[in-house]
Amino acid sequence: MKKLSILGIFVADLAFFGKIPIKGETVLGEEFIVGPGGKGSNQAVAAGKSGAHVNFISKIGNDDYGKMAQKIYI
């Protein structure tokens, strides 16, 4: 098994759902989902799925998004 270290960024992606507004209309994105993302994070996941042993190195905060990262990667 190949060993690989990736130094990169983890971000929380927010995807909002709404409709295409007509001219002059304001549309609020009330429905949304939160998921993991970031170039480094995505590379680490792809490398792991291809069979590599991956060490993902990133700096994360102590907020809800950081806790999400820890659940996924630790």
C-alpha atoms as a PDB file:
ATOM      1  CA  MET A   1       0.000   0.000   0.000  1.00  0.00           C
ATOM      2  CA  LYS A   2       1.347   3.426  -0.960  1.00  0.00           C
ATOM      3  CA  LYS A   3       1.724   6.032   1.775  1.00  0.00           C
ATOM      4  CA  LEU A   4       0.850   9.614   0.953  1.00  0.00           C
ATOM      5  CA  SER A   5       0.745  12.875   2.914  1.00  0.00           C
ATOM      6  CA  ILE A   6      -1.406  15.747   1.713  1.00  0.00           C
ATOM      7  CA  LEU A   7      -1.054  19.253   3.104  1.00  0.00           C
ATOM      8  CA  GLY A   8      -4.159  21.189   2.184  1.00  0.00           C
ATOM      9  CA  ILE A   9      -7.298  22.959   3.196  1.00  0.00           C
ATOM     10  CA  PHE A  10     -10.556  21.680   4.629  1.00  0.00           C
ATOM     11  CA  VAL A  11     -13.650  23.822   4.158  1.00  0.00           C
ATOM     12  CA  ALA A  12     -17.332  23.373   4.803  1.00  0.00           C
ATOM     13  CA  ASP A  13     -19.272  23.729   1.555  1.00  0.00           C
ATOM     14  CA  LEU A  14     -22.717  25.286   1.784  1.00  0.00           C
ATOM     15  CA  ALA A  15     -25.160  24.597  -1.041  1.00  0.00           C
ATOM     16  CA  PHE A  16     -28.280  26.771  -1.064  1.00  0.00           C
ATOM     17  CA  PHE A  17     -31.455  25.942  -2.937  1.00  0.00           C
ATOM     18  CA  GLY A  18     -33.788  28.476  -4.484  1.00  0.00           C
ATOM     19  CA  LYS A  19     -35.343  29.562  -7.720  1.00  0.00           C
ATOM     20  CA  ILE A  20     -34.038  31.772 -10.492  1.00  0.00           C
ATOM     21  CA  PRO A  21     -35.305  35.266  -9.696  1.00  0.00           C
ATOM     22  CA  ILE A  22     -37.172  37.461 -12.091  1.00  0.00           C
ATOM     23  CA  LYS A  23     -35.896  40.999 -12.695  1.00  0.00           C
ATOM     24  CA  GLY A  24     -35.998  43.009  -9.460  1.00  0.00           C
ATOM     25  CA  GLU A  25     -36.935  40.041  -7.254  1.00  0.00           C
ATOM     26  CA  THR A  26     -34.935  39.069  -4.176  1.00  0.00           C
ATOM     27  CA  VAL A  27     -34.719  35.337  -3.528  1.00  0.00           C
ATOM     28  CA  LEU A  28     -33.725  33.966  -0.141  1.00  0.00           C
ATOM     29  CA  GLY A  29     -31.840  30.674   0.015  1.00  0.00           C
ATOM     30  CA  GLU A  30     -33.727  29.211   2.937  1.00  0.00           C
ATOM     31  CA  GLU A  31     -32.911  25.553   2.321  1.00  0.00           C
ATOM     32  CA  PHE A  32     -29.281  24.481   2.364  1.00  0.00           C
ATOM     33  CA  ILE A  33     -26.978  21.565   3.042  1.00  0.00           C
ATOM     34  CA  VAL A  34     -23.501  21.579   4.559  1.00  0.00           C
ATOM     35  CA  GLY A  35     -20.819  19.132   3.512  1.00  0.00           C
ATOM     36  CA  PRO A  36     -17.066  18.657   3.541  1.00  0.00           C
ATOM     37  CA  GLY A  37     -14.922  20.136   0.784  1.00  0.00           C
ATOM     38  CA  GLY A  38     -11.692  21.884  -0.108  1.00  0.00           C
ATOM     39  CA  LYS A  39      -9.033  20.972  -2.633  1.00  0.00           C
ATOM     40  CA  GLY A  40      -6.771  19.240  -0.118  1.00  0.00           C
ATOM     41  CA  SER A  41      -9.642  17.437   1.534  1.00  0.00           C
ATOM     42  CA  ASN A  42     -11.008  16.213  -1.793  1.00  0.00           C
ATOM     43  CA  GLN A  43      -7.535  15.015  -2.864  1.00  0.00           C
ATOM     44  CA  ALA A  44      -7.123  13.097   0.389  1.00  0.00           C
ATOM     45  CA  VAL A  45     -10.474  11.360  -0.050  1.00  0.00           C
ATOM     46  CA  ALA A  46      -9.734  10.476  -3.691  1.00  0.00           C
ATOM     47  CA  ALA A  47      -6.294   9.093  -2.813  1.00  0.00           C
ATOM     48  CA  GLY A  48      -7.767   7.014   0.010  1.00  0.00           C
ATOM     49  CA  LYS A  49     -10.462   5.612  -2.262  1.00  0.00           C
ATOM     50  CA  SER A  50      -7.765   4.624  -4.764  1.00  0.00           C
ATOM     51  CA  GLY A  51      -6.030   2.515  -2.125  1.00  0.00           C
ATOM     52  CA  ALA A  52      -3.363   4.813  -0.647  1.00  0.00           C
ATOM     53  CA  HIS A  53      -2.717   5.206   3.077  1.00  0.00           C
ATOM     54  CA  VAL A  54      -3.298   8.955   3.478  1.00  0.00           C
ATOM     55  CA  ASN A  55      -2.165  11.429   6.107  1.00  0.00           C
ATOM     56  CA  PHE A  56      -4.163  14.636   5.650  1.00  0.00           C
ATOM     57  CA  ILE A  57      -2.518  17.674   7.241  1.00  0.00           C
ATOM     58  CA  SER A  58      -4.647  20.775   7.709  1.00  0.00           C
ATOM     59  CA  LYS A  59      -5.414  23.442  10.280  1.00  0.00           C
ATOM     60  CA  ILE A  60      -8.980  23.440  11.533  1.00  0.00           C
ATOM     61  CA  GLY A  61     -10.880  25.533  14.027  1.00  0.00           C
ATOM     62  CA  ASN A  62     -12.767  24.555  17.148  1.00  0.00           C
ATOM     63  CA  ASP A  63     -16.179  25.405  15.687  1.00  0.00           C
ATOM     64  CA  ASP A  64     -18.912  23.155  14.299  1.00  0.00           C
ATOM     65  CA  TYR A  65     -17.146  22.886  10.929  1.00  0.00           C
ATOM     66  CA  GLY A  66     -13.888  21.871  12.599  1.00  0.00           C
ATOM     67  CA  LYS A  67     -15.755  19.222  14.569  1.00  0.00           C
ATOM     68  CA  MET A  68     -17.224  17.948  11.297  1.00  0.00           C
ATOM     69  CA  ALA A  69     -13.692  17.629   9.894  1.00  0.00           C
ATOM     70  CA  GLN A  70     -12.527  15.700  12.947  1.00  0.00           C
ATOM     71  CA  LYS A  71     -15.444  13.255  12.649  1.00  0.00           C
ATOM     72  CA  ILE A  72     -14.561  12.584   9.028  1.00  0.00           C
ATOM     73  CA  TYR A  73     -10.773  12.402   9.189  1.00  0.00           C
ATOM     74  CA  ILE A  74      -9.846  11.207  12.686  1.00  0.00           C
END
